Amino acid sequence: MSVQRVIVTGGGGFLGSAVVRALGAASGTLAGCEVHVVRSRECDLTDREATRRVYASAFNGRAPTLVIHCAGAVGGIQANKDQPGRFFFENAAMAMNLIEEFRLAKLQDQGAAFVLVGSMTSYPADAPIPFREADLWRGYPDAASAPYAVAKLAAWQMLDAYHRQYGVRGACVIPVNLYGPGDNIADVRNAHVCGTLIKRFVDAERAKLQEVTNWGDGSPTREFLYVEDAAAGILRAAERAIKTSGEPTPINLGSGREISIRDLSAMIARLSGYSGRVVWDTTKPGGQPRRCLDTTRAQELLGWAAQMPLEEGLRRTIAWYRATR
């Protein structure tokens, strides 16, 4: 069996680095694979020529056999509100360049596959709960993150179109909110929900603060997926794309547990050892009332299910944050 040559965009980031670790320990189709990591500080994937050079030089002239696109311009509610244009352009441009240059390099003729990491925010604001892949086109995404969400949705449509017209093998996974060691917790404006709360409560406990303020009223519910579980699901999707015709059917990756932000906050406060008062600032946005995914398709097509219990995953993430900050 030939060794897979894998390009991972955003491979130095939170999710991308977990994917790289998973590839290093992979068995089966991806065992012993060669990995080339594309980092934003080294390559601007919104630049067409830079993207072309990645494909030409990643493996010293040998063509990649798999591309896993994890890179993205991401951020929280405030960042999406402040930079909607950047979030749309950068996410759309990266995907367009990567998929088009994949085609121009004729990688599809060599059986290569392209894995796209989508976003749960692409689901319509009024989609039934839990979100099912068939409802992606039911309506418009939540306004708070719509430019980012539409760009990710457009990337999936491009990959699907290239599969139908040019035979590009692909996969599209839609992970729920991620958390875990390695999260960009220090970046307050762009951190994930769990990371934001972990930093807030651990820092408050260290400083012996008597009060912590959270946004909204705590009633919205979310679902969270440990980053290592997400990486495992992405590799399963990659293997499926390699072994099948590679139709990029969107596949949800979630934990199957929905929890309110208020309850999540209380859990993180307890695990952090914080015993002060929590205030909810209702003048700040809280996002969509509910978000959680139906993962039936992942179970049926990938044989994948999340393994990490939320409390244990949070405990590990808090321990990591304490040790590194």
C-alpha atoms as a PDB file:
ATOM      1  CA  MET A   1       0.000   0.000   0.000  1.00  0.00           C
ATOM      2  CA  SER A   2       1.388   3.406  -1.004  1.00  0.00           C
ATOM      3  CA  VAL A   3       2.067   5.984   1.670  1.00  0.00           C
ATOM      4  CA  GLN A   4      -0.346   8.918   1.710  1.00  0.00           C
ATOM      5  CA  ARG A   5       1.095  12.409   1.321  1.00  0.00           C
ATOM      6  CA  VAL A   6      -1.109  14.766   3.306  1.00  0.00           C
ATOM      7  CA  ILE A   7      -1.287  18.571   3.285  1.00  0.00           C
ATOM      8  CA  VAL A   8      -2.914  20.028   6.418  1.00  0.00           C
ATOM      9  CA  THR A   9      -3.775  23.712   6.180  1.00  0.00           C
ATOM     10  CA  GLY A  10      -3.941  25.456   9.523  1.00  0.00           C
ATOM     11  CA  GLY A  11      -1.870  22.586  10.859  1.00  0.00           C
ATOM     12  CA  GLY A  12      -0.329  24.789  13.533  1.00  0.00           C
ATOM     13  CA  GLY A  13      -3.716  25.873  14.871  1.00  0.00           C
ATOM     14  CA  PHE A  14      -6.003  24.357  17.469  1.00  0.00           C
ATOM     15  CA  LEU A  15      -7.881  21.841  15.314  1.00  0.00           C
ATOM     16  CA  GLY A  16      -5.159  21.470  12.687  1.00  0.00           C
ATOM     17  CA  SER A  17      -2.496  20.473  15.212  1.00  0.00           C
ATOM     18  CA  ALA A  18      -4.859  17.829  16.619  1.00  0.00           C
ATOM     19  CA  VAL A  19      -5.340  16.485  13.091  1.00  0.00           C
ATOM     20  CA  VAL A  20      -1.558  16.357  12.604  1.00  0.00           C
ATOM     21  CA  ARG A  21      -1.181  14.421  15.874  1.00  0.00           C
ATOM     22  CA  ALA A  22      -3.913  12.015  14.806  1.00  0.00           C
ATOM     23  CA  LEU A  23      -2.210  11.461  11.447  1.00  0.00           C
ATOM     24  CA  GLY A  24       1.021  10.642  13.272  1.00  0.00           C
ATOM     25  CA  ALA A  25      -0.736   7.834  15.124  1.00  0.00           C
ATOM     26  CA  ALA A  26      -2.995   6.703  12.285  1.00  0.00           C
ATOM     27  CA  SER A  27      -3.438   3.119  11.177  1.00  0.00           C
ATOM     28  CA  GLY A  28      -4.975   1.604   8.083  1.00  0.00           C
ATOM     29  CA  THR A  29      -5.162   3.790   4.975  1.00  0.00           C
ATOM     30  CA  LEU A  30      -3.303   6.689   6.601  1.00  0.00           C
ATOM     31  CA  ALA A  31      -0.649   4.670   8.436  1.00  0.00           C
ATOM     32  CA  GLY A  32       2.864   6.073   8.043  1.00  0.00           C
ATOM     33  CA  CYS A  33       1.668   9.043   6.025  1.00  0.00           C
ATOM     34  CA  GLU A  34       3.892  11.989   5.201  1.00  0.00           C
ATOM     35  CA  VAL A  35       2.477  15.294   6.457  1.00  0.00           C
ATOM     36  CA  HIS A  36       3.116  18.830   5.232  1.00  0.00           C
ATOM     37  CA  VAL A  37       1.748  21.555   7.518  1.00  0.00           C
ATOM     38  CA  VAL A  38       0.703  24.897   6.037  1.00  0.00           C
ATOM     39  CA  ARG A  39       0.794  27.733   8.599  1.00  0.00           C
ATOM     40  CA  SER A  40      -0.691  31.182   8.071  1.00  0.00           C
ATOM     41  CA  ARG A  41       2.502  32.964   9.116  1.00  0.00           C
ATOM     42  CA  GLU A  42       4.364  31.151   6.341  1.00  0.00           C
ATOM     43  CA  CYS A  43       1.800  31.101   3.552  1.00  0.00           C
ATOM     44  CA  ASP A  44      -1.151  33.346   2.703  1.00  0.00           C
ATOM     45  CA  LEU A  45      -3.729  30.981   1.210  1.00  0.00           C
ATOM     46  CA  THR A  46      -5.864  33.931   0.094  1.00  0.00           C
ATOM     47  CA  ASP A  47      -3.092  34.506  -2.464  1.00  0.00           C
ATOM     48  CA  ARG A  48      -3.585  32.322  -5.554  1.00  0.00           C
ATOM     49  CA  GLU A  49       0.101  32.062  -6.440  1.00  0.00           C
ATOM     50  CA  ALA A  50       1.089  31.185  -2.874  1.00  0.00           C
ATOM     51  CA  THR A  51      -1.512  28.418  -2.869  1.00  0.00           C
ATOM     52  CA  ARG A  52      -0.182  27.072  -6.155  1.00  0.00           C
ATOM     53  CA  ARG A  53       3.329  26.929  -4.741  1.00  0.00           C
ATOM     54  CA  VAL A  54       2.118  24.846  -1.799  1.00  0.00           C
ATOM     55  CA  TYR A  55       0.896  22.103  -4.107  1.00  0.00           C
ATOM     56  CA  ALA A  56       4.056  22.248  -6.222  1.00  0.00           C
ATOM     57  CA  SER A  57       6.587  22.168  -3.396  1.00  0.00           C
ATOM     58  CA  ALA A  58       5.021  20.390  -0.414  1.00  0.00           C
ATOM     59  CA  PHE A  59       6.606  17.009  -1.116  1.00  0.00           C
ATOM     60  CA  ASN A  60       9.552  17.995  -3.316  1.00  0.00           C
ATOM     61  CA  GLY A  61       7.647  17.664  -6.534  1.00  0.00           C
ATOM     62  CA  ARG A  62       5.610  14.601  -5.586  1.00  0.00           C
ATOM     63  CA  ALA A  63       1.888  15.229  -5.721  1.00  0.00           C
ATOM     64  CA  PRO A  64      -0.111  15.229  -2.475  1.00  0.00           C
ATOM     65  CA  THR A  65      -2.713  12.498  -2.182  1.00  0.00           C
ATOM     66  CA  LEU A  66      -4.851  14.170   0.483  1.00  0.00           C
ATOM     67  CA  VAL A  67      -5.599  17.758   1.495  1.00  0.00           C
ATOM     68  CA  ILE A  68      -7.264  18.492   4.847  1.00  0.00           C
ATOM     69  CA  HIS A  69      -8.355  22.118   4.972  1.00  0.00           C
ATOM     70  CA  CYS A  70      -8.525  23.221   8.618  1.00  0.00           C
ATOM     71  CA  ALA A  71      -7.324  26.795   8.150  1.00  0.00           C
ATOM     72  CA  GLY A  72      -9.786  29.600   8.711  1.00  0.00           C
ATOM     73  CA  ALA A  73     -10.360  33.120   9.930  1.00  0.00           C
ATOM     74  CA  VAL A  74     -12.391  32.502  13.076  1.00  0.00           C
ATOM     75  CA  GLY A  75     -13.583  34.380  16.136  1.00  0.00           C
ATOM     76  CA  GLY A  76     -16.282  34.853  18.718  1.00  0.00           C
ATOM     77  CA  ILE A  77     -19.483  36.904  18.576  1.00  0.00           C
ATOM     78  CA  GLN A  78     -17.745  40.271  18.930  1.00  0.00           C
ATOM     79  CA  ALA A  79     -15.056  39.451  16.361  1.00  0.00           C
ATOM     80  CA  ASN A  80     -17.715  38.386  13.840  1.00  0.00           C
ATOM     81  CA  LYS A  81     -19.571  41.636  14.484  1.00  0.00           C
ATOM     82  CA  ASP A  82     -16.453  43.785  14.074  1.00  0.00           C
ATOM     83  CA  GLN A  83     -14.887  42.032  11.042  1.00  0.00           C
ATOM     84  CA  PRO A  84     -17.629  40.497   8.872  1.00  0.00           C
ATOM     85  CA  GLY A  85     -15.884  41.451   5.632  1.00  0.00           C
ATOM     86  CA  ARG A  86     -12.567  39.883   6.599  1.00  0.00           C
ATOM     87  CA  PHE A  87     -14.246  36.717   7.825  1.00  0.00           C
ATOM     88  CA  PHE A  88     -16.164  36.314   4.571  1.00  0.00           C
ATOM     89  CA  PHE A  89     -13.284  37.120   2.234  1.00  0.00           C
ATOM     90  CA  GLU A  90     -10.537  35.133   3.899  1.00  0.00           C
ATOM     91  CA  ASN A  91     -12.595  31.979   4.372  1.00  0.00           C
ATOM     92  CA  ALA A  92     -14.065  32.113   0.880  1.00  0.00           C
ATOM     93  CA  ALA A  93     -10.761  32.959  -0.804  1.00  0.00           C
ATOM     94  CA  MET A  94      -8.775  30.221   0.943  1.00  0.00           C
ATOM     95  CA  ALA A  95     -11.278  27.545  -0.038  1.00  0.00           C
ATOM     96  CA  MET A  96     -11.612  28.783  -3.609  1.00  0.00           C
ATOM     97  CA  ASN A  97      -7.854  28.906  -4.146  1.00  0.00           C
ATOM     98  CA  LEU A  98      -7.208  25.510  -2.586  1.00  0.00           C
ATOM     99  CA  ILE A  99      -9.963  23.694  -4.465  1.00  0.00           C
ATOM    100  CA  GLU A 100      -9.260  25.367  -7.817  1.00  0.00           C
ATOM    101  CA  GLU A 101      -5.500  24.780  -7.589  1.00  0.00           C
ATOM    102  CA  PHE A 102      -6.217  21.162  -6.602  1.00  0.00           C
ATOM    103  CA  ARG A 103      -8.123  20.837  -9.879  1.00  0.00           C
ATOM    104  CA  LEU A 104      -5.533  22.662 -11.980  1.00  0.00           C
ATOM    105  CA  ALA A 105      -2.803  20.383 -10.613  1.00  0.00           C
ATOM    106  CA  LYS A 106      -4.994  17.474 -11.823  1.00  0.00           C
ATOM    107  CA  LEU A 107      -4.807  15.820  -8.429  1.00  0.00           C
ATOM    108  CA  GLN A 108      -8.276  14.393  -8.997  1.00  0.00           C
ATOM    109  CA  ASP A 109      -6.882  12.361 -11.901  1.00  0.00           C
ATOM    110  CA  GLN A 110      -4.403  10.763  -9.480  1.00  0.00           C
ATOM    111  CA  GLY A 111      -7.096   9.759  -6.988  1.00  0.00           C
ATOM    112  CA  ALA A 112      -6.318  12.481  -4.439  1.00  0.00           C
ATOM    113  CA  ALA A 113      -9.003  13.664  -2.020  1.00  0.00           C
ATOM    114  CA  PHE A 114      -9.893  17.018  -0.456  1.00  0.00           C
ATOM    115  CA  VAL A 115     -11.392  17.265   3.045  1.00  0.00           C
ATOM    116  CA  LEU A 116     -13.166  20.473   3.979  1.00  0.00           C
ATOM    117  CA  VAL A 117     -13.901  21.459   7.574  1.00  0.00           C
ATOM    118  CA  GLY A 118     -17.196  23.352   7.589  1.00  0.00           C
ATOM    119  CA  SER A 119     -18.995  25.185  10.364  1.00  0.00           C
ATOM    120  CA  MET A 120     -22.100  24.575  12.445  1.00  0.00           C
ATOM    121  CA  THR A 121     -22.873  28.296  12.102  1.00  0.00           C
ATOM    122  CA  SER A 122     -23.846  27.594   8.472  1.00  0.00           C
ATOM    123  CA  TYR A 123     -27.112  26.075   9.640  1.00  0.00           C
ATOM    124  CA  PRO A 124     -30.183  28.327   9.284  1.00  0.00           C
ATOM    125  CA  ALA A 125     -31.084  30.374  12.328  1.00  0.00           C
ATOM    126  CA  ASP A 126     -34.508  28.688  12.445  1.00  0.00           C
ATOM    127  CA  ALA A 127     -33.396  25.139  11.616  1.00  0.00           C
ATOM    128  CA  PRO A 128     -35.090  22.428  13.700  1.00  0.00           C
ATOM    129  CA  ILE A 129     -33.093  21.068  16.649  1.00  0.00           C
ATOM    130  CA  PRO A 130     -30.995  18.964  16.409  1.00  0.00           C
ATOM    131  CA  PHE A 131     -29.460  20.277  13.186  1.00  0.00           C
ATOM    132  CA  ARG A 132     -29.582  17.727  10.365  1.00  0.00           C
ATOM    133  CA  GLU A 133     -27.432  17.974   7.251  1.00  0.00           C
ATOM    134  CA  ALA A 134     -30.521  18.004   5.009  1.00  0.00           C
ATOM    135  CA  ASP A 135     -31.533  21.366   6.520  1.00  0.00           C
ATOM    136  CA  LEU A 136     -28.413  23.300   5.528  1.00  0.00           C
ATOM    137  CA  TRP A 137     -30.297  25.140   2.775  1.00  0.00           C
ATOM    138  CA  ARG A 138     -33.498  25.623   4.763  1.00  0.00           C
ATOM    139  CA  GLY A 139     -32.807  29.323   5.444  1.00  0.00           C
ATOM    140  CA  TYR A 140     -30.317  32.050   6.341  1.00  0.00           C
ATOM    141  CA  PRO A 141     -27.743  31.596   9.136  1.00  0.00           C
ATOM    142  CA  ASP A 142     -27.832  33.566  12.367  1.00  0.00           C
ATOM    143  CA  ALA A 143     -27.000  37.207  11.614  1.00  0.00           C
ATOM    144  CA  ALA A 144     -24.219  37.359  14.231  1.00  0.00           C
ATOM    145  CA  SER A 145     -21.938  35.099  12.176  1.00  0.00           C
ATOM    146  CA  ALA A 146     -23.632  35.008   8.762  1.00  0.00           C
ATOM    147  CA  PRO A 147     -20.707  36.248   6.588  1.00  0.00           C
ATOM    148  CA  TYR A 148     -18.394  33.586   8.028  1.00  0.00           C
ATOM    149  CA  ALA A 149     -21.130  30.956   7.864  1.00  0.00           C
ATOM    150  CA  VAL A 150     -22.062  31.675   4.252  1.00  0.00           C
ATOM    151  CA  ALA A 151     -18.404  31.563   3.183  1.00  0.00           C
ATOM    152  CA  LYS A 152     -18.050  28.085   4.710  1.00  0.00           C
ATOM    153  CA  LEU A 153     -21.296  26.982   3.068  1.00  0.00           C
ATOM    154  CA  ALA A 154     -20.111  28.288  -0.293  1.00  0.00           C
ATOM    155  CA  ALA A 155     -16.875  26.316   0.073  1.00  0.00           C
ATOM    156  CA  TRP A 156     -18.853  23.104   0.468  1.00  0.00           C
ATOM    157  CA  GLN A 157     -20.932  23.965  -2.611  1.00  0.00           C
ATOM    158  CA  MET A 158     -17.753  24.560  -4.605  1.00  0.00           C
ATOM    159  CA  LEU A 159     -16.312  21.217  -3.535  1.00  0.00           C
ATOM    160  CA  ASP A 160     -19.571  19.483  -4.441  1.00  0.00           C
ATOM    161  CA  ALA A 161     -19.657  21.216  -7.836  1.00  0.00           C
ATOM    162  CA  TYR A 162     -16.055  20.200  -8.540  1.00  0.00           C
ATOM    163  CA  HIS A 163     -16.884  16.629  -7.625  1.00  0.00           C
ATOM    164  CA  ARG A 164     -19.759  16.586 -10.104  1.00  0.00           C
ATOM    165  CA  GLN A 165     -17.959  18.372 -12.951  1.00  0.00           C
ATOM    166  CA  TYR A 166     -14.313  17.365 -12.517  1.00  0.00           C
ATOM    167  CA  GLY A 167     -14.443  14.206 -10.412  1.00  0.00           C
ATOM    168  CA  VAL A 168     -12.732  15.723  -7.358  1.00  0.00           C
ATOM    169  CA  ARG A 169     -13.007  13.334  -4.433  1.00  0.00           C
ATOM    170  CA  GLY A 170     -14.034  15.164  -1.315  1.00  0.00           C
ATOM    171  CA  ALA A 171     -15.473  15.140   2.166  1.00  0.00           C
ATOM    172  CA  CYS A 172     -17.114  17.852   4.242  1.00  0.00           C
ATOM    173  CA  VAL A 173     -17.342  17.605   8.015  1.00  0.00           C
ATOM    174  CA  ILE A 174     -19.240  20.020  10.245  1.00  0.00           C
ATOM    175  CA  PRO A 175     -17.888  19.982  13.794  1.00  0.00           C
ATOM    176  CA  VAL A 176     -19.752  21.418  16.731  1.00  0.00           C
ATOM    177  CA  ASN A 177     -18.092  23.904  19.163  1.00  0.00           C
ATOM    178  CA  LEU A 178     -14.597  22.616  19.919  1.00  0.00           C
ATOM    179  CA  TYR A 179     -12.625  22.684  23.150  1.00  0.00           C
ATOM    180  CA  GLY A 180      -9.542  21.049  24.617  1.00  0.00           C
ATOM    181  CA  PRO A 181      -5.842  21.575  25.378  1.00  0.00           C
ATOM    182  CA  GLY A 182      -4.161  23.827  22.851  1.00  0.00           C
ATOM    183  CA  ASP A 183      -7.153  26.118  22.398  1.00  0.00           C
ATOM    184  CA  ASN A 184      -6.347  29.789  21.780  1.00  0.00           C
ATOM    185  CA  ILE A 185      -7.639  30.720  25.218  1.00  0.00           C
ATOM    186  CA  ALA A 186      -5.394  33.753  25.653  1.00  0.00           C
ATOM    187  CA  ASP A 187      -7.026  35.548  22.693  1.00  0.00           C
ATOM    188  CA  VAL A 188     -10.136  36.885  24.437  1.00  0.00           C
ATOM    189  CA  ARG A 189     -11.770  38.232  21.259  1.00  0.00           C
ATOM    190  CA  ASN A 190     -11.360  35.083  19.205  1.00  0.00           C
ATOM    191  CA  ALA A 191     -11.407  32.223  21.728  1.00  0.00           C
ATOM    192  CA  HIS A 192     -14.025  29.459  21.667  1.00  0.00           C
ATOM    193  CA  VAL A 193     -16.804  29.454  24.278  1.00  0.00           C
ATOM    194  CA  CYS A 194     -15.249  26.864  26.579  1.00  0.00           C
ATOM    195  CA  GLY A 195     -11.835  28.480  26.330  1.00  0.00           C
ATOM    196  CA  THR A 196     -13.239  31.896  27.153  1.00  0.00           C
ATOM    197  CA  LEU A 197     -14.984  30.610  30.285  1.00  0.00           C
ATOM    198  CA  ILE A 198     -11.972  28.576  31.395  1.00  0.00           C
ATOM    199  CA  LYS A 199      -9.678  31.594  31.163  1.00  0.00           C
ATOM    200  CA  ARG A 200     -12.227  33.771  32.946  1.00  0.00           C
ATOM    201  CA  PHE A 201     -12.722  31.459  35.907  1.00  0.00           C
ATOM    202  CA  VAL A 202      -9.137  30.225  36.298  1.00  0.00           C
ATOM    203  CA  ASP A 203      -7.842  33.800  36.148  1.00  0.00           C
ATOM    204  CA  ALA A 204     -10.519  34.936  38.621  1.00  0.00           C
ATOM    205  CA  GLU A 205      -9.623  32.135  41.030  1.00  0.00           C
ATOM    206  CA  ARG A 206      -5.949  33.041  40.849  1.00  0.00           C
ATOM    207  CA  ALA A 207      -6.677  36.721  41.430  1.00  0.00           C
ATOM    208  CA  LYS A 208      -9.196  35.944  44.195  1.00  0.00           C
ATOM    209  CA  LEU A 209     -11.873  38.004  42.443  1.00  0.00           C
ATOM    210  CA  GLN A 210     -15.271  38.134  44.107  1.00  0.00           C
ATOM    211  CA  GLU A 211     -17.235  38.527  40.869  1.00  0.00           C
ATOM    212  CA  VAL A 212     -17.136  37.299  37.281  1.00  0.00           C
ATOM    213  CA  THR A 213     -19.313  38.702  34.463  1.00  0.00           C
ATOM    214  CA  ASN A 214     -20.586  36.566  31.571  1.00  0.00           C
ATOM    215  CA  TRP A 215     -22.392  37.732  28.429  1.00  0.00           C
ATOM    216  CA  GLY A 216     -26.124  37.217  27.907  1.00  0.00           C
ATOM    217  CA  ASP A 217     -28.438  35.488  30.349  1.00  0.00           C
ATOM    218  CA  GLY A 218     -26.876  32.015  30.137  1.00  0.00           C
ATOM    219  CA  SER A 219     -29.982  30.394  28.658  1.00  0.00           C
ATOM    220  CA  PRO A 220     -28.679  29.522  25.147  1.00  0.00           C
ATOM    221  CA  THR A 221     -27.653  25.896  24.789  1.00  0.00           C
ATOM    222  CA  ARG A 222     -24.631  24.567  22.980  1.00  0.00           C
ATOM    223  CA  GLU A 223     -22.930  21.260  22.285  1.00  0.00           C
ATOM    224  CA  PHE A 224     -19.184  20.793  22.701  1.00  0.00           C
ATOM    225  CA  LEU A 225     -16.732  18.362  21.122  1.00  0.00           C
ATOM    226  CA  TYR A 226     -13.273  17.526  22.431  1.00  0.00           C
ATOM    227  CA  VAL A 227     -10.727  18.446  19.785  1.00  0.00           C
ATOM    228  CA  GLU A 228      -9.137  14.976  19.659  1.00  0.00           C
ATOM    229  CA  ASP A 229     -12.560  13.459  18.938  1.00  0.00           C
ATOM    230  CA  ALA A 230     -13.023  15.968  16.116  1.00  0.00           C
ATOM    231  CA  ALA A 231      -9.645  15.029  14.626  1.00  0.00           C
ATOM    232  CA  ALA A 232     -10.582  11.340  14.703  1.00  0.00           C
ATOM    233  CA  GLY A 233     -13.809  12.115  12.843  1.00  0.00           C
ATOM    234  CA  ILE A 234     -11.955  14.120  10.200  1.00  0.00           C
ATOM    235  CA  LEU A 235      -9.580  11.218   9.558  1.00  0.00           C
ATOM    236  CA  ARG A 236     -12.532   8.838   9.203  1.00  0.00           C
ATOM    237  CA  ALA A 237     -14.036  11.181   6.630  1.00  0.00           C
ATOM    238  CA  ALA A 238     -10.708  11.362   4.784  1.00  0.00           C
ATOM    239  CA  GLU A 239     -10.467   7.576   4.634  1.00  0.00           C
ATOM    240  CA  ARG A 240     -13.989   7.371   3.264  1.00  0.00           C
ATOM    241  CA  ALA A 241     -13.205   9.941   0.560  1.00  0.00           C
ATOM    242  CA  ILE A 242     -10.105   7.995  -0.472  1.00  0.00           C
ATOM    243  CA  LYS A 243     -11.909   4.658  -0.631  1.00  0.00           C
ATOM    244  CA  THR A 244     -15.172   5.763  -2.287  1.00  0.00           C
ATOM    245  CA  SER A 245     -16.283   7.983  -5.139  1.00  0.00           C
ATOM    246  CA  GLY A 246     -15.718  10.902  -2.802  1.00  0.00           C
ATOM    247  CA  GLU A 247     -19.061  12.672  -2.985  1.00  0.00           C
ATOM    248  CA  PRO A 248     -18.642  15.457  -0.376  1.00  0.00           C
ATOM    249  CA  THR A 249     -21.778  14.715   1.606  1.00  0.00           C
ATOM    250  CA  PRO A 250     -21.811  17.013   4.668  1.00  0.00           C
ATOM    251  CA  ILE A 251     -21.360  15.068   7.905  1.00  0.00           C
ATOM    252  CA  ASN A 252     -21.984  16.475  11.384  1.00  0.00           C
ATOM    253  CA  LEU A 253     -19.444  15.791  14.125  1.00  0.00           C
ATOM    254  CA  GLY A 254     -20.875  16.305  17.599  1.00  0.00           C
ATOM    255  CA  SER A 255     -20.906  14.898  21.110  1.00  0.00           C
ATOM    256  CA  GLY A 256     -24.629  14.327  21.444  1.00  0.00           C
ATOM    257  CA  ARG A 257     -24.884  16.379  24.641  1.00  0.00           C
ATOM    258  CA  GLU A 258     -26.576  19.788  24.787  1.00  0.00           C
ATOM    259  CA  ILE A 259     -25.873  22.059  27.752  1.00  0.00           C
ATOM    260  CA  SER A 260     -26.874  25.625  28.618  1.00  0.00           C
ATOM    261  CA  ILE A 261     -24.158  28.266  28.873  1.00  0.00           C
ATOM    262  CA  ARG A 262     -25.284  28.866  32.457  1.00  0.00           C
ATOM    263  CA  ASP A 263     -24.755  25.196  33.379  1.00  0.00           C
ATOM    264  CA  LEU A 264     -21.468  25.075  31.478  1.00  0.00           C
ATOM    265  CA  SER A 265     -20.322  28.169  33.353  1.00  0.00           C
ATOM    266  CA  ALA A 266     -21.193  26.576  36.692  1.00  0.00           C
ATOM    267  CA  MET A 267     -19.324  23.384  35.770  1.00  0.00           C
ATOM    268  CA  ILE A 268     -16.185  25.264  34.704  1.00  0.00           C
ATOM    269  CA  ALA A 269     -16.332  27.473  37.819  1.00  0.00           C
ATOM    270  CA  ARG A 270     -16.503  24.367  40.017  1.00  0.00           C
ATOM    271  CA  LEU A 271     -13.675  22.587  38.189  1.00  0.00           C
ATOM    272  CA  SER A 272     -11.581  25.766  38.361  1.00  0.00           C
ATOM    273  CA  GLY A 273     -12.090  26.111  42.103  1.00  0.00           C
ATOM    274  CA  TYR A 274     -13.825  29.480  41.740  1.00  0.00           C
ATOM    275  CA  SER A 275     -16.395  30.228  44.452  1.00  0.00           C
ATOM    276  CA  GLY A 276     -17.223  33.890  43.789  1.00  0.00           C
ATOM    277  CA  ARG A 277     -20.367  35.420  42.322  1.00  0.00           C
ATOM    278  CA  VAL A 278     -21.334  35.113  38.623  1.00  0.00           C
ATOM    279  CA  VAL A 279     -23.151  38.072  37.031  1.00  0.00           C
ATOM    280  CA  TRP A 280     -24.932  37.837  33.672  1.00  0.00           C
ATOM    281  CA  ASP A 281     -24.788  40.960  31.497  1.00  0.00           C
ATOM    282  CA  THR A 282     -28.013  40.816  29.494  1.00  0.00           C
ATOM    283  CA  THR A 283     -27.055  43.899  27.464  1.00  0.00           C
ATOM    284  CA  LYS A 284     -24.559  41.674  25.636  1.00  0.00           C
ATOM    285  CA  PRO A 285     -25.559  39.161  22.925  1.00  0.00           C
ATOM    286  CA  GLY A 286     -25.784  35.477  23.706  1.00  0.00           C
ATOM    287  CA  GLY A 287     -26.183  34.102  20.179  1.00  0.00           C
ATOM    288  CA  GLN A 288     -28.762  31.616  18.887  1.00  0.00           C
ATOM    289  CA  PRO A 289     -31.050  30.134  21.562  1.00  0.00           C
ATOM    290  CA  ARG A 290     -30.021  26.543  20.758  1.00  0.00           C
ATOM    291  CA  ARG A 291     -27.362  24.740  18.761  1.00  0.00           C
ATOM    292  CA  CYS A 292     -26.772  21.010  18.650  1.00  0.00           C
ATOM    293  CA  LEU A 293     -26.202  18.457  15.917  1.00  0.00           C
ATOM    294  CA  ASP A 294     -27.748  15.203  14.797  1.00  0.00           C
ATOM    295  CA  THR A 295     -24.779  12.822  14.362  1.00  0.00           C
ATOM    296  CA  THR A 296     -26.649   9.875  12.846  1.00  0.00           C
ATOM    297  CA  ARG A 297     -24.892  10.296   9.501  1.00  0.00           C
ATOM    298  CA  ALA A 298     -21.434  10.220  11.125  1.00  0.00           C
ATOM    299  CA  GLN A 299     -22.327   6.977  12.876  1.00  0.00           C
ATOM    300  CA  GLU A 300     -23.718   5.405   9.713  1.00  0.00           C
ATOM    301  CA  LEU A 301     -21.141   6.575   7.151  1.00  0.00           C
ATOM    302  CA  LEU A 302     -18.001   6.835   9.272  1.00  0.00           C
ATOM    303  CA  GLY A 303     -18.640   4.498  12.197  1.00  0.00           C
ATOM    304  CA  TRP A 304     -17.634   7.453  14.372  1.00  0.00           C
ATOM    305  CA  ALA A 305     -18.887   8.689  17.743  1.00  0.00           C
ATOM    306  CA  ALA A 306     -17.388  11.095  20.273  1.00  0.00           C
ATOM    307  CA  GLN A 307     -15.552   9.431  23.176  1.00  0.00           C
ATOM    308  CA  MET A 308     -14.611  12.167  25.661  1.00  0.00           C
ATOM    309  CA  PRO A 309     -17.150  13.030  28.412  1.00  0.00           C
ATOM    310  CA  LEU A 310     -17.583  16.799  28.759  1.00  0.00           C
ATOM    311  CA  GLU A 311     -16.546  17.077  32.420  1.00  0.00           C
ATOM    312  CA  GLU A 312     -13.378  15.036  31.923  1.00  0.00           C
ATOM    313  CA  GLY A 313     -12.487  17.024  28.805  1.00  0.00           C
ATOM    314  CA  LEU A 314     -12.956  20.287  30.677  1.00  0.00           C
ATOM    315  CA  ARG A 315     -10.845  19.019  33.559  1.00  0.00           C
ATOM    316  CA  ARG A 316      -8.002  18.197  31.152  1.00  0.00           C
ATOM    317  CA  THR A 317      -8.296  21.569  29.441  1.00  0.00           C
ATOM    318  CA  ILE A 318      -8.261  23.473  32.734  1.00  0.00           C
ATOM    319  CA  ALA A 319      -5.184  21.523  33.872  1.00  0.00           C
ATOM    320  CA  TRP A 320      -3.452  22.355  30.576  1.00  0.00           C
ATOM    321  CA  TYR A 321      -4.309  26.047  30.895  1.00  0.00           C
ATOM    322  CA  ARG A 322      -3.041  26.185  34.478  1.00  0.00           C
ATOM    323  CA  ALA A 323       0.216  24.521  33.449  1.00  0.00           C
ATOM    324  CA  THR A 324       0.867  26.812  30.475  1.00  0.00           C
ATOM    325  CA  ARG A 325      -0.241  30.220  31.814  1.00  0.00           C
END
